[in-house]
């Protein structure tokens, strides 16, 4: 299942889990859009641990 299909399924089922999208594709259209409000951050591969930590902080601060 693609990431976009997973997000669509989560939206359909009203799943309220915050998501960090990790992709190797440039500018995937589903990163942080109104279509998929559960996406809280997006990471472009390759990324370093600092970038991951920054994204985790954003997600936990927004959720908490």
PDB file of N, CA and C in Angstrom:
ATOM      1  N   UNK A   1       0.854  -1.174   0.000  1.00  0.00           N
ATOM      2  CA  UNK A   1       0.000   0.000   0.000  1.00  0.00           C
ATOM      3  C   UNK A   1       0.899   1.236   0.000  1.00  0.00           C
ATOM      4  N   UNK A   2       0.548   2.171  -0.838  1.00  0.00           N
ATOM      5  CA  UNK A   2       1.327   3.412  -0.883  1.00  0.00           C
ATOM      6  C   UNK A   2       1.000   4.283   0.329  1.00  0.00           C
ATOM      7  N   UNK A   3       1.864   5.223   0.582  1.00  0.00           N
ATOM      8  CA  UNK A   3       1.628   6.145   1.683  1.00  0.00           C
ATOM      9  C   UNK A   3       0.360   6.951   1.484  1.00  0.00           C
ATOM     10  N   UNK A   4       0.107   7.360   0.255  1.00  0.00           N
ATOM     11  CA  UNK A   4      -1.090   8.147  -0.033  1.00  0.00           C
ATOM     12  C   UNK A   4      -2.355   7.322   0.221  1.00  0.00           C
ATOM     13  N   UNK A   5      -2.328   6.043  -0.167  1.00  0.00           N
ATOM     14  CA  UNK A   5      -3.480   5.167   0.095  1.00  0.00           C
ATOM     15  C   UNK A   5      -3.676   4.956   1.596  1.00  0.00           C
ATOM     16  N   UNK A   6      -2.581   4.807   2.325  1.00  0.00           N
ATOM     17  CA  UNK A   6      -2.677   4.643   3.776  1.00  0.00           C
ATOM     18  C   UNK A   6      -3.299   5.884   4.410  1.00  0.00           C
ATOM     19  N   UNK A   7      -2.852   7.062   4.008  1.00  0.00           N
ATOM     20  CA  UNK A   7      -3.408   8.296   4.550  1.00  0.00           C
ATOM     21  C   UNK A   7      -4.891   8.432   4.212  1.00  0.00           C
ATOM     22  N   UNK A   8      -5.262   8.071   2.983  1.00  0.00           N
ATOM     23  CA  UNK A   8      -6.676   8.133   2.592  1.00  0.00           C
ATOM     24  C   UNK A   8      -7.512   7.180   3.436  1.00  0.00           C
ATOM     25  N   UNK A   9      -6.978   6.002   3.710  1.00  0.00           N
ATOM     26  CA  UNK A   9      -7.680   5.027   4.550  1.00  0.00           C
ATOM     27  C   UNK A   9      -7.815   5.548   5.980  1.00  0.00           C
ATOM     28  N   UNK A  10      -6.753   6.151   6.500  1.00  0.00           N
ATOM     29  CA  UNK A  10      -6.799   6.723   7.843  1.00  0.00           C
ATOM     30  C   UNK A  10      -7.856   7.821   7.918  1.00  0.00           C
ATOM     31  N   UNK A  11      -7.922   8.650   6.884  1.00  0.00           N
ATOM     32  CA  UNK A  11      -8.900   9.736   6.863  1.00  0.00           C
ATOM     33  C   UNK A  11     -10.318   9.173   6.815  1.00  0.00           C
ATOM     34  N   UNK A  12     -10.526   8.174   5.965  1.00  0.00           N
ATOM     35  CA  UNK A  12     -11.843   7.548   5.827  1.00  0.00           C
ATOM     36  C   UNK A  12     -12.304   6.946   7.151  1.00  0.00           C
ATOM     37  N   UNK A  13     -11.380   6.324   7.864  1.00  0.00           N
ATOM     38  CA  UNK A  13     -11.707   5.666   9.137  1.00  0.00           C
ATOM     39  C   UNK A  13     -11.609   6.617  10.328  1.00  0.00           C
ATOM     40  N   UNK A  14     -11.355   7.896  10.068  1.00  0.00           N
ATOM     41  CA  UNK A  14     -11.258   8.936  11.097  1.00  0.00           C
ATOM     42  C   UNK A  14     -10.203   8.611  12.150  1.00  0.00           C
ATOM     43  N   UNK A  15      -9.086   8.057  11.713  1.00  0.00           N
ATOM     44  CA  UNK A  15      -7.971   7.760  12.616  1.00  0.00           C
ATOM     45  C   UNK A  15      -7.299   9.076  12.990  1.00  0.00           C
ATOM     46  N   UNK A  16      -7.050   9.265  14.270  1.00  0.00           N
ATOM     47  CA  UNK A  16      -6.513  10.526  14.780  1.00  0.00           C
ATOM     48  C   UNK A  16      -5.054  10.416  15.220  1.00  0.00           C
ATOM     49  N   UNK A  17      -4.253   9.656  14.520  1.00  0.00           N
ATOM     50  CA  UNK A  17      -2.843   9.479  14.854  1.00  0.00           C
ATOM     51  C   UNK A  17      -2.020  10.485  14.051  1.00  0.00           C
ATOM     52  N   UNK A  18      -1.184  11.300  14.718  1.00  0.00           N
ATOM     53  CA  UNK A  18      -0.330  12.212  13.963  1.00  0.00           C
ATOM     54  C   UNK A  18       0.695  11.438  13.139  1.00  0.00           C
ATOM     55  N   UNK A  19       0.966  11.932  11.940  1.00  0.00           N
ATOM     56  CA  UNK A  19       1.835  11.230  10.990  1.00  0.00           C
ATOM     57  C   UNK A  19       2.996  12.120  10.573  1.00  0.00           C
ATOM     58  N   UNK A  20       4.173  11.526  10.494  1.00  0.00           N
ATOM     59  CA  UNK A  20       5.326  12.145   9.851  1.00  0.00           C
ATOM     60  C   UNK A  20       5.569  11.354   8.570  1.00  0.00           C
ATOM     61  N   UNK A  21       5.444  12.012   7.438  1.00  0.00           N
ATOM     62  CA  UNK A  21       5.667  11.366   6.146  1.00  0.00           C
ATOM     63  C   UNK A  21       7.160  11.403   5.847  1.00  0.00           C
ATOM     64  N   UNK A  22       7.700  10.246   5.487  1.00  0.00           N
ATOM     65  CA  UNK A  22       9.095  10.141   5.061  1.00  0.00           C
ATOM     66  C   UNK A  22       9.079   9.659   3.624  1.00  0.00           C
ATOM     67  N   UNK A  23       9.707  10.432   2.739  1.00  0.00           N
ATOM     68  CA  UNK A  23       9.635  10.114   1.323  1.00  0.00           C
ATOM     69  C   UNK A  23      10.973  10.333   0.629  1.00  0.00           C
ATOM     70  N   UNK A  24      11.162   9.612  -0.422  1.00  0.00           N
ATOM     71  CA  UNK A  24      12.315   9.811  -1.285  1.00  0.00           C
ATOM     72  C   UNK A  24      11.936  10.581  -2.535  1.00  0.00           C
ATOM     73  N   UNK A  25      10.638  10.843  -2.697  1.00  0.00           N
ATOM     74  CA  UNK A  25      10.162  11.560  -3.876  1.00  0.00           C
ATOM     75  C   UNK A  25      10.106  13.050  -3.603  1.00  0.00           C
ATOM     76  N   UNK A  26      10.555  13.847  -4.546  1.00  0.00           N
ATOM     77  CA  UNK A  26      10.537  15.299  -4.321  1.00  0.00           C
ATOM     78  C   UNK A  26       9.110  15.835  -4.280  1.00  0.00           C
ATOM     79  N   UNK A  27       8.804  16.540  -3.200  1.00  0.00           N
ATOM     80  CA  UNK A  27       7.543  17.263  -3.039  1.00  0.00           C
ATOM     81  C   UNK A  27       6.303  16.419  -3.274  1.00  0.00           C
ATOM     82  N   UNK A  28       6.210  15.313  -2.559  1.00  0.00           N
ATOM     83  CA  UNK A  28       4.978  14.529  -2.597  1.00  0.00           C
ATOM     84  C   UNK A  28       3.815  15.429  -2.239  1.00  0.00           C
ATOM     85  N   UNK A  29       2.736  15.337  -2.985  1.00  0.00           N
ATOM     86  CA  UNK A  29       1.610  16.232  -2.815  1.00  0.00           C
ATOM     87  C   UNK A  29       0.822  16.046  -1.532  1.00  0.00           C
ATOM     88  N   UNK A  30       1.062  14.976  -0.808  1.00  0.00           N
ATOM     89  CA  UNK A  30       0.254  14.737   0.385  1.00  0.00           C
ATOM     90  C   UNK A  30       0.942  15.151   1.672  1.00  0.00           C
ATOM     91  N   UNK A  31       2.073  15.784   1.573  1.00  0.00           N
ATOM     92  CA  UNK A  31       2.759  16.243   2.775  1.00  0.00           C
ATOM     93  C   UNK A  31       2.110  17.535   3.266  1.00  0.00           C
ATOM     94  N   UNK A  32       1.552  17.495   4.481  1.00  0.00           N
ATOM     95  CA  UNK A  32       1.000  18.671   5.153  1.00  0.00           C
ATOM     96  C   UNK A  32      -0.005  19.427   4.284  1.00  0.00           C
ATOM     97  N   UNK A  33      -1.039  18.749   3.839  1.00  0.00           N
ATOM     98  CA  UNK A  33      -2.088  19.412   3.071  1.00  0.00           C
ATOM     99  C   UNK A  33      -3.405  19.322   3.828  1.00  0.00           C
ATOM    100  N   UNK A  34      -4.360  20.112   3.423  1.00  0.00           N
ATOM    101  CA  UNK A  34      -5.689  20.065   4.030  1.00  0.00           C
ATOM    102  C   UNK A  34      -6.346  18.722   3.762  1.00  0.00           C
ATOM    103  N   UNK A  35      -5.954  18.075   2.666  1.00  0.00           N
ATOM    104  CA  UNK A  35      -6.532  16.770   2.327  1.00  0.00           C
ATOM    105  C   UNK A  35      -6.201  15.722   3.393  1.00  0.00           C
ATOM    106  N   UNK A  36      -5.017  15.828   3.990  1.00  0.00           N
ATOM    107  CA  UNK A  36      -4.574  14.866   4.996  1.00  0.00           C
ATOM    108  C   UNK A  36      -4.122  15.607   6.254  1.00  0.00           C
ATOM    109  N   UNK A  37      -5.070  16.039   7.082  1.00  0.00           N
ATOM    110  CA  UNK A  37      -4.718  16.856   8.248  1.00  0.00           C
ATOM    111  C   UNK A  37      -3.925  16.108   9.312  1.00  0.00           C
ATOM    112  N   UNK A  38      -3.874  14.778   9.241  1.00  0.00           N
ATOM    113  CA  UNK A  38      -3.106  14.018  10.229  1.00  0.00           C
ATOM    114  C   UNK A  38      -1.606  14.120   9.992  1.00  0.00           C
ATOM    115  N   UNK A  39      -1.210  14.596   8.807  1.00  0.00           N
ATOM    116  CA  UNK A  39       0.217  14.760   8.498  1.00  0.00           C
ATOM    117  C   UNK A  39       0.716  16.026   9.188  1.00  0.00           C
ATOM    118  N   UNK A  40       1.607  15.846  10.127  1.00  0.00           N
ATOM    119  CA  UNK A  40       2.125  16.960  10.916  1.00  0.00           C
ATOM    120  C   UNK A  40       3.499  17.426  10.458  1.00  0.00           C
ATOM    121  N   UNK A  41       4.218  16.564   9.723  1.00  0.00           N
ATOM    122  CA  UNK A  41       5.551  16.916   9.231  1.00  0.00           C
ATOM    123  C   UNK A  41       5.890  16.014   8.062  1.00  0.00           C
ATOM    124  N   UNK A  42       6.838  16.458   7.266  1.00  0.00           N
ATOM    125  CA  UNK A  42       7.316  15.655   6.154  1.00  0.00           C
ATOM    126  C   UNK A  42       8.823  15.706   6.091  1.00  0.00           C
ATOM    127  N   UNK A  43       9.423  14.558   5.878  1.00  0.00           N
ATOM    128  CA  UNK A  43      10.882  14.470   5.773  1.00  0.00           C
ATOM    129  C   UNK A  43      11.260  13.946   4.399  1.00  0.00           C
ATOM    130  N   UNK A  44      12.194  14.627   3.784  1.00  0.00           N
ATOM    131  CA  UNK A  44      12.733  14.196   2.492  1.00  0.00           C
ATOM    132  C   UNK A  44      13.998  13.388   2.733  1.00  0.00           C
ATOM    133  N   UNK A  45      14.051  12.161   2.204  1.00  0.00           N
ATOM    134  CA  UNK A  45      15.255  11.346   2.347  1.00  0.00           C
ATOM    135  C   UNK A  45      16.335  11.891   1.432  1.00  0.00           C
ATOM    136  N   UNK A  46      17.564  11.818   1.792  1.00  0.00           N
ATOM    137  CA  UNK A  46      18.075  11.423   3.103  1.00  0.00           C
ATOM    138  C   UNK A  46      17.941  12.583   4.100  1.00  0.00           C
ATOM    139  N   UNK A  47      17.816  12.261   5.349  1.00  0.00           N
ATOM    140  CA  UNK A  47      17.756  13.271   6.398  1.00  0.00           C
ATOM    141  C   UNK A  47      18.625  12.803   7.555  1.00  0.00           C
ATOM    142  N   UNK A  48      19.006  13.751   8.399  1.00  0.00           N
ATOM    143  CA  UNK A  48      19.856  13.383   9.533  1.00  0.00           C
ATOM    144  C   UNK A  48      19.010  13.312  10.804  1.00  0.00           C
ATOM    145  N   UNK A  49      19.616  12.869  11.872  1.00  0.00           N
ATOM    146  CA  UNK A  49      18.873  12.663  13.119  1.00  0.00           C
ATOM    147  C   UNK A  49      18.345  13.971  13.682  1.00  0.00           C
ATOM    148  N   UNK A  50      19.042  15.070  13.428  1.00  0.00           N
ATOM    149  CA  UNK A  50      18.571  16.368  13.941  1.00  0.00           C
ATOM    150  C   UNK A  50      17.241  16.756  13.293  1.00  0.00           C
ATOM    151  N   UNK A  51      17.139  16.520  12.003  1.00  0.00           N
ATOM    152  CA  UNK A  51      15.902  16.818  11.285  1.00  0.00           C
ATOM    153  C   UNK A  51      14.762  15.949  11.800  1.00  0.00           C
ATOM    154  N   UNK A  52      15.035  14.677  12.037  1.00  0.00           N
ATOM    155  CA  UNK A  52      14.024  13.779  12.596  1.00  0.00           C
ATOM    156  C   UNK A  52      13.595  14.261  13.983  1.00  0.00           C
ATOM    157  N   UNK A  53      14.549  14.608  14.816  1.00  0.00           N
ATOM    158  CA  UNK A  53      14.223  15.082  16.163  1.00  0.00           C
ATOM    159  C   UNK A  53      13.383  16.363  16.119  1.00  0.00           C
ATOM    160  N   UNK A  54      13.704  17.271  15.209  1.00  0.00           N
ATOM    161  CA  UNK A  54      12.917  18.501  15.072  1.00  0.00           C
ATOM    162  C   UNK A  54      11.473  18.175  14.686  1.00  0.00           C
ATOM    163  N   UNK A  55      11.306  17.234  13.800  1.00  0.00           N
ATOM    164  CA  UNK A  55       9.961  16.834  13.388  1.00  0.00           C
ATOM    165  C   UNK A  55       9.198  16.190  14.537  1.00  0.00           C
ATOM    166  N   UNK A  56       9.873  15.354  15.305  1.00  0.00           N
ATOM    167  CA  UNK A  56       9.230  14.711  16.451  1.00  0.00           C
ATOM    168  C   UNK A  56       8.798  15.753  17.482  1.00  0.00           C
ATOM    169  N   UNK A  57       9.636  16.736  17.723  1.00  0.00           N
ATOM    170  CA  UNK A  57       9.285  17.808  18.658  1.00  0.00           C
ATOM    171  C   UNK A  57       8.048  18.549  18.164  1.00  0.00           C
ATOM    172  N   UNK A  58       8.001  18.880  16.886  1.00  0.00           N
ATOM    173  CA  UNK A  58       6.833  19.567  16.332  1.00  0.00           C
ATOM    174  C   UNK A  58       5.555  18.755  16.520  1.00  0.00           C
ATOM    175  N   UNK A  59       5.642  17.458  16.258  1.00  0.00           N
ATOM    176  CA  UNK A  59       4.466  16.592  16.376  1.00  0.00           C
ATOM    177  C   UNK A  59       4.009  16.495  17.824  1.00  0.00           C
ATOM    178  N   UNK A  60       4.929  16.276  18.732  1.00  0.00           N
ATOM    179  CA  UNK A  60       4.535  16.117  20.134  1.00  0.00           C
ATOM    180  C   UNK A  60       4.075  17.421  20.750  1.00  0.00           C
ATOM    181  N   UNK A  61       4.651  18.551  20.339  1.00  0.00           N
ATOM    182  CA  UNK A  61       4.194  19.842  20.854  1.00  0.00           C
ATOM    183  C   UNK A  61       2.804  20.166  20.341  1.00  0.00           C
ATOM    184  N   UNK A  62       2.545  19.858  19.067  1.00  0.00           N
ATOM    185  CA  UNK A  62       1.226  20.123  18.467  1.00  0.00           C
ATOM    186  C   UNK A  62       0.160  19.233  19.057  1.00  0.00           C
ATOM    187  N   UNK A  63       0.546  18.011  19.434  1.00  0.00           N
ATOM    188  CA  UNK A  63      -0.419  17.034  19.930  1.00  0.00           C
ATOM    189  C   UNK A  63      -0.680  17.186  21.432  1.00  0.00           C
ATOM    190  N   UNK A  64       0.251  17.806  22.128  1.00  0.00           N
ATOM    191  CA  UNK A  64       0.181  17.806  23.570  1.00  0.00           C
ATOM    192  C   UNK A  64      -0.440  18.980  24.167  1.00  0.00           C
TER     193      UNK A  64
END
